[in-house]
Amino acid sequence: MEIKSYYQASEIWLNFKERLHFFIKAKVRNDDLAEEIYSQVLQKLLSSCCSGKDIINVSAWLYRIAYTTLLDELKHRVKSH
């Protein structure tokens, strides 16, 4: 599946946003950090629009983005302290 429009990306987001939010909050257990990561995942979804990338499993792809973003943010916070 290729995300060809922002409309299509928004439909994908609407289908997964609650589950992704729960997944992120369960991992970080900090509401502010969860919101920041959640927003970054949405930005990454929107930036992938019209990239031509073929996505075989949208759910797995989004969760991988969420998990990678979460790890990156935690690493960044550890380095800055």
Protein backbone atom coordinates (compact mmCIF):
# COMPACT_ATOMS: atom_id res chain seq x y z
CA MET A 1 0.00 0.00 0.00
CA GLU A 2 1.30 3.41 -0.89
CA ILE A 3 0.04 6.50 0.95
CA LYS A 4 -0.84 8.79 -1.94
CA SER A 5 -2.63 11.66 -0.21
CA TYR A 6 -2.96 13.48 3.08
CA TYR A 7 -6.59 12.37 3.16
CA GLN A 8 -5.48 8.74 3.04
CA ALA A 9 -2.89 9.42 5.79
CA SER A 10 -5.57 11.03 7.96
CA GLU A 11 -7.83 8.01 7.49
CA ILE A 12 -5.00 5.73 8.59
CA TRP A 13 -4.36 7.97 11.61
CA LEU A 14 -8.02 7.91 12.61
CA ASN A 15 -7.99 4.11 12.51
CA PHE A 16 -4.87 3.71 14.67
CA LYS A 17 -4.54 6.82 16.86
CA GLU A 18 -6.21 5.48 20.00
CA ARG A 19 -4.27 2.20 19.98
CA LEU A 20 -1.00 4.01 19.29
CA HIS A 21 -1.67 6.48 22.08
CA PHE A 22 -2.34 3.65 24.53
CA PHE A 23 0.80 1.80 23.35
CA ILE A 24 3.00 4.86 23.83
CA LYS A 25 1.53 5.79 27.23
CA ALA A 26 1.96 2.22 28.46
CA LYS A 27 5.63 2.27 27.49
CA VAL A 28 6.66 5.66 28.90
CA ARG A 29 4.17 6.17 31.74
CA ASN A 30 4.55 9.93 31.44
CA ASP A 31 1.68 11.90 29.91
CA ASP A 32 3.78 14.80 28.61
CA LEU A 33 6.38 12.56 27.02
CA ALA A 34 3.66 10.33 25.56
CA GLU A 35 1.99 13.34 23.94
CA GLU A 36 5.29 14.51 22.47
CA ILE A 37 6.04 11.08 20.98
CA TYR A 38 2.45 10.73 19.76
CA SER A 39 2.78 14.03 17.89
CA GLN A 40 6.09 12.98 16.36
CA VAL A 41 4.52 9.75 15.07
CA LEU A 42 1.75 11.75 13.40
CA GLN A 43 4.34 14.06 11.82
CA LYS A 44 6.26 11.07 10.48
CA LEU A 45 3.09 9.56 9.05
CA LEU A 46 2.23 12.81 7.29
CA SER A 47 5.79 13.27 6.01
CA SER A 48 5.65 9.80 4.43
CA CYS A 49 2.77 10.96 2.26
CA CYS A 50 3.45 10.65 -1.46
CA SER A 51 6.93 9.22 -0.82
CA GLY A 52 6.28 6.29 -3.12
CA LYS A 53 7.18 3.83 -0.37
CA ASP A 54 5.20 0.61 -0.50
CA ILE A 55 3.86 -0.32 2.95
CA ILE A 56 2.88 -3.96 3.22
CA ASN A 57 1.45 -3.92 6.78
CA VAL A 58 0.30 -0.47 7.87
CA SER A 59 -0.25 -1.50 11.48
CA ALA A 60 3.24 -2.97 11.89
CA TRP A 61 4.74 0.03 10.09
CA LEU A 62 3.03 2.54 12.44
CA TYR A 63 3.96 0.60 15.57
CA ARG A 64 7.57 0.40 14.35
CA ILE A 65 7.57 4.17 13.86
CA ALA A 66 6.09 4.66 17.34
CA TYR A 67 8.59 2.32 18.98
CA THR A 68 11.60 3.78 17.16
CA THR A 69 10.47 7.33 17.94
CA LEU A 70 10.01 6.38 21.59
CA LEU A 71 13.51 4.91 21.79
CA ASP A 72 15.05 7.92 20.04
CA GLU A 73 13.33 10.31 22.43
CA LEU A 74 14.42 8.34 25.50
CA LYS A 75 18.03 8.21 24.24
CA HIS A 76 17.95 11.95 23.62
CA ARG A 77 16.68 12.62 27.15
CA VAL A 78 19.33 10.40 28.72
CA LYS A 79 22.09 12.19 26.78
CA SER A 80 20.81 15.63 27.77
CA HIS A 81 20.85 14.83 31.50
